[in-house]
């Protein structure tokens, strides 16, 4: 058995080598950005690590990208769409028809996505079915959570009742022993 495990050991080392783990990036989109972002309105994308070139400091364990969409929407009206990143941000945040047409003209792949969104908005019944299905799942999960909470409460009450029963039995036993001693003392005194 050991020989079989030894033959796989180099493979296991190769797969689970800690140095091979890649960094994790989390992208956070703010529809309404916090006050700290408004100190630097000309920069709409902020990268935070230990120190940032914008003057804001956050000590975070992962690599985060914070994108305040409200500040971006103010700058894109002045500058227009300059690259693919800004095109994606326009797609995610802007509902101005002029910018949508500009986006679709410059980047035709967004036309398909806008058509899909338009179809979804037109087919409200299907959207409501999807929403109803999500609510059904949420309700089922909520019921399961409540059942689990009640089970935990029942288990803790059962444990408490059993502890009190043990204490009551102990007291009854002590009382019985005390009655026994009283009877013995009465017999000794009566003789």
Protein backbone atom coordinates (compact mmCIF):
# COMPACT_ATOMS: atom_id res chain seq x y z
CA UNK A 1 0.00 0.00 0.00
CA UNK A 2 2.83 2.41 0.87
CA UNK A 3 4.52 1.83 -2.49
CA UNK A 4 1.33 2.76 -4.33
CA UNK A 5 1.06 6.01 -2.36
CA UNK A 6 4.74 6.82 -2.92
CA UNK A 7 4.34 6.62 -6.69
CA UNK A 8 1.68 9.37 -6.57
CA UNK A 9 3.58 11.62 -4.15
CA UNK A 10 5.44 13.63 -6.83
CA UNK A 11 2.12 14.28 -8.61
CA UNK A 12 0.49 15.43 -5.38
CA UNK A 13 3.41 17.74 -4.66
CA UNK A 14 3.16 19.20 -8.13
CA UNK A 15 -0.59 19.81 -7.91
CA UNK A 16 -0.71 21.27 -4.40
CA UNK A 17 2.43 23.37 -4.46
CA UNK A 18 1.65 26.58 -2.57
CA UNK A 19 3.70 28.74 -4.93
CA UNK A 20 1.46 27.77 -7.83
CA UNK A 21 -1.58 29.51 -6.32
CA UNK A 22 -2.45 32.58 -8.37
CA UNK A 23 -3.52 35.92 -6.94
CA UNK A 24 -7.22 36.55 -6.54
CA UNK A 25 -8.77 39.72 -7.88
CA UNK A 26 -12.16 40.94 -6.76
CA UNK A 27 -13.85 43.66 -8.80
CA UNK A 28 -16.25 45.85 -6.83
CA UNK A 29 -18.57 48.13 -8.79
CA UNK A 30 -20.06 51.05 -6.85
CA UNK A 31 -23.22 52.58 -8.25
CA UNK A 32 -22.98 55.32 -5.63
CA UNK A 33 -19.38 55.60 -4.52
CA UNK A 34 -18.20 56.47 -0.99
CA UNK A 35 -16.89 59.95 -0.15
CA UNK A 36 -13.25 58.81 -0.34
CA UNK A 37 -13.52 58.34 -4.10
CA UNK A 38 -14.71 61.89 -4.67
CA UNK A 39 -11.40 63.32 -3.45
CA UNK A 40 -9.89 62.18 -6.77
CA UNK A 41 -12.69 62.62 -9.33
CA UNK A 42 -10.36 62.51 -12.34
CA UNK A 43 -9.40 58.89 -11.55
CA UNK A 44 -12.42 56.60 -11.84
CA UNK A 45 -10.60 53.30 -11.31
CA UNK A 46 -8.72 52.78 -8.05
CA UNK A 47 -6.44 49.85 -7.31
CA UNK A 48 -5.85 49.23 -3.62
CA UNK A 49 -3.12 47.10 -2.16
CA UNK A 50 -0.91 48.12 0.75
CA UNK A 51 -0.46 51.62 -0.70
CA UNK A 52 -2.13 53.31 -3.58
CA UNK A 53 -0.93 56.08 -5.85
CA UNK A 54 -4.14 58.02 -5.24
CA UNK A 55 -3.32 58.63 -1.57
CA UNK A 56 -5.98 56.32 -0.20
CA UNK A 57 -4.68 53.44 1.90
CA UNK A 58 -6.39 50.16 2.69
CA UNK A 59 -4.83 47.06 4.16
CA UNK A 60 -6.56 44.25 2.27
CA UNK A 61 -5.51 40.61 1.96
CA UNK A 62 -6.68 40.16 -1.63
CA UNK A 63 -6.22 42.31 -4.70
CA UNK A 64 -9.31 44.48 -5.12
CA UNK A 65 -10.33 46.74 -7.96
CA UNK A 66 -12.87 49.37 -6.95
CA UNK A 67 -14.75 51.06 -9.78
CA UNK A 68 -17.10 53.90 -8.84
CA UNK A 69 -19.56 53.97 -11.74
CA UNK A 70 -21.02 57.35 -10.79
CA UNK A 71 -17.64 59.06 -11.20
CA UNK A 72 -17.01 57.15 -14.43
CA UNK A 73 -20.33 58.27 -15.88
CA UNK A 74 -19.38 61.91 -15.22
CA UNK A 75 -16.03 61.53 -16.97
CA UNK A 76 -17.24 59.50 -19.95
CA UNK A 77 -19.65 62.26 -20.97
CA UNK A 78 -16.66 64.60 -21.34
CA UNK A 79 -14.11 62.19 -22.80
CA UNK A 80 -16.15 59.66 -24.78
CA UNK A 81 -15.36 55.93 -25.00
CA UNK A 82 -11.61 55.54 -25.44
CA UNK A 83 -10.95 51.79 -24.94
CA UNK A 84 -12.57 48.40 -24.33
CA UNK A 85 -12.51 48.80 -20.54
CA UNK A 86 -14.49 52.01 -20.81
CA UNK A 87 -16.82 50.31 -23.28
CA UNK A 88 -17.62 47.63 -20.68
CA UNK A 89 -18.16 50.27 -18.01
CA UNK A 90 -20.52 52.15 -20.33
CA UNK A 91 -22.38 48.89 -20.97
CA UNK A 92 -22.71 48.27 -17.22
CA UNK A 93 -23.61 51.76 -16.08
CA UNK A 94 -24.94 54.11 -18.75
CA UNK A 95 -28.50 54.17 -20.04
CA UNK A 96 -28.14 57.19 -22.31
CA UNK A 97 -29.27 56.35 -25.87
CA UNK A 98 -26.53 58.51 -27.42
CA UNK A 99 -23.79 56.64 -25.56
CA UNK A 100 -25.40 53.28 -26.34
CA UNK A 101 -25.41 54.09 -30.04
CA UNK A 102 -21.81 55.29 -29.80
CA UNK A 103 -20.87 52.10 -27.98
CA UNK A 104 -22.57 49.82 -30.51
CA UNK A 105 -21.02 51.75 -33.39
CA UNK A 106 -17.49 51.48 -32.02
CA UNK A 107 -17.83 48.00 -30.48
CA UNK A 108 -20.39 45.91 -32.43
CA UNK A 109 -20.16 42.92 -30.05
CA UNK A 110 -22.21 44.88 -27.50
CA UNK A 111 -25.16 45.01 -29.93
CA UNK A 112 -25.92 41.33 -29.31
CA UNK A 113 -25.86 41.86 -25.55
CA UNK A 114 -28.15 44.90 -25.77
CA UNK A 115 -30.54 42.93 -27.98
CA UNK A 116 -30.58 40.13 -25.41
CA UNK A 117 -31.33 42.59 -22.60
CA UNK A 118 -34.01 44.24 -24.71
CA UNK A 119 -35.63 40.86 -25.37
CA UNK A 120 -35.58 40.05 -21.66
CA UNK A 121 -37.21 43.39 -20.84
CA UNK A 122 -39.88 42.78 -23.50
CA UNK A 123 -40.63 39.30 -22.19
CA UNK A 124 -41.72 40.33 -18.70
CA UNK A 125 -43.65 37.10 -18.14
CA UNK A 126 -40.46 35.05 -18.52
CA UNK A 127 -38.65 37.40 -16.16
CA UNK A 128 -41.38 36.97 -13.56
CA UNK A 129 -41.12 33.19 -13.92
CA UNK A 130 -37.37 33.39 -13.30
CA UNK A 131 -38.00 35.69 -10.34
CA UNK A 132 -40.67 33.32 -9.00
CA UNK A 133 -38.31 30.37 -9.31
CA UNK A 134 -35.65 32.28 -7.38
CA UNK A 135 -38.19 33.21 -4.71
CA UNK A 136 -39.24 29.57 -4.44
CA UNK A 137 -35.61 28.55 -3.86
CA UNK A 138 -35.18 31.38 -1.36
CA UNK A 139 -38.36 30.34 0.48
CA UNK A 140 -37.22 26.71 0.61
CA UNK A 141 -33.84 27.76 1.96
CA UNK A 142 -35.51 30.04 4.51
CA UNK A 143 -37.80 27.25 5.68
CA UNK A 144 -34.84 24.87 5.97
CA UNK A 145 -32.92 27.51 7.95
CA UNK A 146 -35.87 28.02 10.29
CA UNK A 147 -36.26 24.26 10.78
CA UNK A 148 -32.55 24.01 11.58
CA UNK A 149 -32.85 26.88 14.06
CA UNK A 150 -35.86 25.23 15.75
CA UNK A 151 -34.02 21.90 15.89
CA UNK A 152 -31.06 23.59 17.57
CA UNK A 153 -33.40 25.29 20.05
CA UNK A 154 -35.16 21.97 20.73
CA UNK A 155 -31.83 20.21 21.24
CA UNK A 156 -30.61 22.87 23.67
CA UNK A 157 -33.92 22.77 25.58
CA UNK A 158 -33.76 18.97 25.73
CA UNK A 159 -30.23 19.15 27.09
CA UNK A 160 -31.32 21.73 29.66
CA UNK A 161 -34.32 19.60 30.71
CA UNK A 162 -32.16 16.50 31.07
CA UNK A 163 -29.66 18.45 33.19
CA UNK A 164 -32.47 19.71 35.43
CA UNK A 165 -33.91 16.19 35.71
CA UNK A 166 -30.50 14.89 36.77
CA UNK A 167 -30.24 17.68 39.35
CA UNK A 168 -33.77 16.91 40.59
CA UNK A 169 -32.94 13.20 40.87
CA UNK A 170 -29.80 14.08 42.80
CA UNK A 171 -31.84 16.25 45.19
CA UNK A 172 -34.45 13.51 45.61
CA UNK A 173 -31.70 11.04 46.39
CA UNK A 174 -30.20 13.42 48.96
CA UNK A 175 -33.67 13.96 50.46
CA UNK A 176 -34.25 10.20 50.64
CA UNK A 177 -30.87 9.76 52.35
CA UNK A 178 -31.78 12.53 54.81
CA UNK A 179 -35.13 10.81 55.58
CA UNK A 180 -33.29 7.55 56.08
CA UNK A 181 -30.89 9.20 58.55
CA UNK A 182 -33.82 10.78 60.40
CA UNK A 183 -35.49 7.37 60.74
CA UNK A 184 -32.23 5.88 61.99
CA UNK A 185 -31.81 8.68 64.53
CA UNK A 186 -35.43 8.30 65.70
CA UNK A 187 -34.90 4.58 66.19
CA UNK A 188 -31.73 5.25 68.17
CA UNK A 189 -33.53 7.82 70.33
CA UNK A 190 -36.58 5.59 70.77
CA UNK A 191 -34.59 2.68 72.15
